[in-house]
Amino acid sequence: VARIPELYALHGYPPFVERLPREFVDWGVFGTDLWQWIGLAALAPAAWVLAFLVAWVILRLARFFARRTTTGLDDRIIESIHRPLRLAATLYLFLAGSYWLRLDVPVQRFLVGVSRGLTILLVTWVFLRLVDILTRAARERMVREERRAAVSMLDLGCRVAKVLIVALGLLGLLQNL
């Protein structure tokens, strides 16, 4: 009983909630108060804008280092992952911000579960893009070396790799249900 104030400070409402109108705290759906729903609605675009800035900085640094290499493959890879990177940053910034809202444990667990599933989808997306980029680079090299017969095998290998990646992604999603 002596630890109740300490535990409430860790897991109870943030201090600013006491200054909100009573309706914001009393009304709720799915174990989430109105002020928390408003916070989630405000958090989504804020996370997106901040993720845009974070991804921009990361991509600028990656492009800076990629320009110093002799191959163009790393440039293609960087260009292909900017959208998944921005979405992943948005997802994790949103998830981090949701802890500040002190959502109920079942709601927070739901958000973490959705984040895991979306992370698996994003990783699958990145690997599919990498297979496309590597296949295109190998195809260009084979055409340049006049090994046209190997191109058809390359297409088959690309399809097999994509099927395996999608199958592993689906297994990962099913494991996290």
Protein backbone atom coordinates (compact mmCIF):
# COMPACT_ATOMS: atom_id res chain seq x y z
CA VAL A 1 0.00 0.00 0.00
CA ALA A 2 2.91 2.32 0.67
CA ARG A 3 4.00 2.05 -2.97
CA ILE A 4 0.62 3.12 -4.44
CA PRO A 5 1.65 6.77 -5.07
CA GLU A 6 4.88 5.61 -6.74
CA LEU A 7 3.04 3.09 -8.95
CA TYR A 8 0.33 5.63 -9.81
CA ALA A 9 3.02 8.08 -10.91
CA LEU A 10 4.41 5.39 -13.23
CA HIS A 11 1.16 3.91 -14.55
CA GLY A 12 -1.60 6.41 -13.77
CA TYR A 13 -2.70 9.44 -15.71
CA PRO A 14 -0.14 12.09 -16.62
CA PRO A 15 -0.32 15.27 -14.49
CA PHE A 16 -1.93 17.41 -17.22
CA VAL A 17 -5.06 15.21 -17.27
CA GLU A 18 -6.21 16.78 -13.99
CA ARG A 19 -6.59 20.11 -15.83
CA LEU A 20 -8.78 18.66 -18.60
CA PRO A 21 -12.58 18.88 -18.53
CA ARG A 22 -14.16 15.91 -16.77
CA GLU A 23 -15.77 14.66 -20.03
CA PHE A 24 -12.34 13.99 -21.53
CA VAL A 25 -11.58 11.55 -18.72
CA ASP A 26 -15.01 10.06 -18.05
CA TRP A 27 -16.02 9.18 -21.60
CA GLY A 28 -14.20 6.38 -23.37
CA VAL A 29 -14.44 3.52 -25.83
CA PHE A 30 -12.55 0.19 -25.76
CA GLY A 31 -10.86 1.09 -22.48
CA THR A 32 -9.48 4.31 -23.92
CA ASP A 33 -10.51 7.74 -22.64
CA LEU A 34 -11.52 10.57 -24.97
CA TRP A 35 -8.32 12.51 -24.28
CA GLN A 36 -6.31 9.41 -25.27
CA TRP A 37 -8.25 9.06 -28.54
CA ILE A 38 -7.56 12.73 -29.27
CA GLY A 39 -3.91 12.12 -28.40
CA LEU A 40 -3.74 9.16 -30.78
CA ALA A 41 -5.38 11.21 -33.53
CA ALA A 42 -2.85 14.02 -33.02
CA LEU A 43 0.04 11.60 -32.66
CA ALA A 44 -0.44 9.99 -36.09
CA PRO A 45 0.27 13.08 -38.21
CA ALA A 46 2.95 14.27 -35.78
CA ALA A 47 4.74 10.92 -36.08
CA TRP A 48 4.44 11.09 -39.87
CA VAL A 49 5.99 14.57 -40.05
CA LEU A 50 8.77 13.69 -37.63
CA ALA A 51 9.41 10.41 -39.47
CA PHE A 52 9.67 12.35 -42.73
CA LEU A 53 12.42 14.47 -41.17
CA VAL A 54 14.20 11.48 -39.63
CA ALA A 55 14.09 9.53 -42.89
CA TRP A 56 15.30 12.60 -44.81
CA VAL A 57 18.36 12.91 -42.55
CA ILE A 58 19.14 9.18 -42.74
CA LEU A 59 18.76 9.13 -46.52
CA ARG A 60 20.92 12.24 -46.94
CA LEU A 61 23.68 10.59 -44.95
CA ALA A 62 23.31 7.32 -46.86
CA ARG A 63 23.40 9.15 -50.21
CA PHE A 64 26.49 11.06 -49.11
CA PHE A 65 28.35 7.82 -48.44
CA ALA A 66 26.90 6.03 -51.48
CA ARG A 67 28.22 8.74 -53.81
CA ARG A 68 31.72 7.91 -52.67
CA THR A 69 31.51 4.35 -54.02
CA THR A 70 32.18 3.31 -57.60
CA THR A 71 29.10 1.16 -58.03
CA GLY A 72 25.60 2.45 -58.60
CA LEU A 73 23.97 -0.50 -56.88
CA ASP A 74 24.05 1.12 -53.46
CA ASP A 75 22.39 4.23 -54.91
CA ARG A 76 19.54 2.10 -56.25
CA ILE A 77 19.14 0.33 -52.92
CA ILE A 78 18.97 3.61 -51.03
CA GLU A 79 16.38 4.99 -53.43
CA SER A 80 14.26 1.86 -53.12
CA ILE A 81 14.06 1.84 -49.33
CA HIS A 82 13.09 5.44 -48.67
CA ARG A 83 9.34 4.71 -48.45
CA PRO A 84 9.66 1.64 -46.22
CA LEU A 85 12.11 3.56 -44.04
CA ARG A 86 9.69 6.47 -43.67
CA LEU A 87 6.81 4.12 -42.85
CA ALA A 88 8.90 2.23 -40.29
CA ALA A 89 9.96 5.49 -38.65
CA THR A 90 6.33 6.64 -38.57
CA LEU A 91 5.25 3.36 -37.03
CA TYR A 92 7.85 3.39 -34.27
CA LEU A 93 7.49 7.07 -33.49
CA PHE A 94 3.74 6.53 -33.17
CA LEU A 95 4.33 3.52 -30.93
CA ALA A 96 6.79 5.47 -28.76
CA GLY A 97 4.34 8.34 -28.47
CA SER A 98 1.54 5.99 -27.49
CA TYR A 99 3.46 5.08 -24.32
CA TRP A 100 3.31 8.73 -23.33
CA LEU A 101 -0.49 8.53 -23.49
CA ARG A 102 -0.44 5.75 -20.87
CA LEU A 103 -2.98 3.59 -22.62
CA ASP A 104 -4.50 0.60 -20.86
CA VAL A 105 -2.35 -2.51 -21.02
CA PRO A 106 -4.63 -4.42 -23.46
CA VAL A 107 -4.77 -1.42 -25.81
CA GLN A 108 -0.99 -0.97 -25.66
CA ARG A 109 -0.49 -4.70 -26.30
CA PHE A 110 -2.77 -4.41 -29.32
CA LEU A 111 -0.70 -1.52 -30.69
CA VAL A 112 2.51 -3.48 -30.13
CA GLY A 113 1.03 -6.50 -31.92
CA VAL A 114 -0.09 -4.38 -34.87
CA SER A 115 3.39 -2.82 -34.96
CA ARG A 116 5.00 -6.26 -35.09
CA GLY A 117 2.77 -7.28 -37.98
CA LEU A 118 3.43 -4.07 -39.88
CA THR A 119 7.16 -4.45 -39.25
CA ILE A 120 7.07 -7.92 -40.80
CA LEU A 121 5.24 -6.48 -43.82
CA LEU A 122 7.77 -3.66 -44.14
CA VAL A 123 10.74 -6.03 -43.93
CA THR A 124 9.11 -8.28 -46.53
CA TRP A 125 8.57 -5.25 -48.76
CA VAL A 126 12.25 -4.23 -48.44
CA PHE A 127 13.47 -7.73 -49.28
CA LEU A 128 11.19 -7.91 -52.33
CA ARG A 129 12.60 -4.58 -53.51
CA LEU A 130 16.15 -5.81 -52.93
CA VAL A 131 15.48 -8.92 -55.02
CA ASP A 132 14.21 -6.69 -57.84
CA ILE A 133 17.25 -4.43 -57.67
CA LEU A 134 19.74 -7.28 -57.54
CA THR A 135 17.96 -9.10 -60.36
CA ARG A 136 18.02 -5.97 -62.51
CA ALA A 137 21.74 -5.46 -61.82
CA ALA A 138 22.52 -9.10 -62.63
CA ARG A 139 20.42 -8.91 -65.81
CA GLU A 140 22.29 -5.79 -66.98
CA ARG A 141 25.60 -7.50 -66.32
CA MET A 142 24.58 -10.67 -68.18
CA VAL A 143 23.37 -8.67 -71.18
CA ARG A 144 26.58 -6.66 -71.15
CA GLU A 145 28.59 -9.92 -71.10
CA GLU A 146 26.30 -11.36 -73.81
CA ARG A 147 25.08 -14.23 -71.65
CA ARG A 148 21.48 -14.02 -72.82
CA ALA A 149 20.67 -17.66 -72.04
CA ALA A 150 21.28 -17.05 -68.35
CA VAL A 151 18.69 -14.25 -68.25
CA SER A 152 15.79 -16.72 -68.34
CA MET A 153 17.30 -18.59 -65.39
CA LEU A 154 17.64 -15.29 -63.61
CA ASP A 155 13.92 -14.60 -64.00
CA LEU A 156 13.11 -18.01 -62.54
CA GLY A 157 15.47 -17.41 -59.62
CA CYS A 158 13.86 -14.03 -59.01
CA ARG A 159 10.40 -15.57 -58.86
CA VAL A 160 11.53 -18.34 -56.53
CA ALA A 161 13.23 -15.84 -54.22
CA LYS A 162 10.11 -13.68 -54.10
CA VAL A 163 7.88 -16.67 -53.32
CA LEU A 164 10.20 -17.67 -50.48
CA ILE A 165 10.28 -14.14 -49.10
CA VAL A 166 6.49 -13.84 -49.18
CA ALA A 167 6.13 -17.29 -47.58
CA LEU A 168 8.52 -16.32 -44.79
CA GLY A 169 6.64 -13.05 -44.30
CA LEU A 170 3.34 -14.91 -44.04
CA LEU A 171 4.85 -17.36 -41.56
CA GLY A 172 6.11 -14.44 -39.50
CA LEU A 173 2.66 -12.83 -39.54
CA LEU A 174 0.97 -16.07 -38.54
CA GLN A 175 3.47 -16.61 -35.74
CA ASN A 176 2.61 -13.19 -34.30
CA LEU A 177 -1.18 -13.62 -34.29
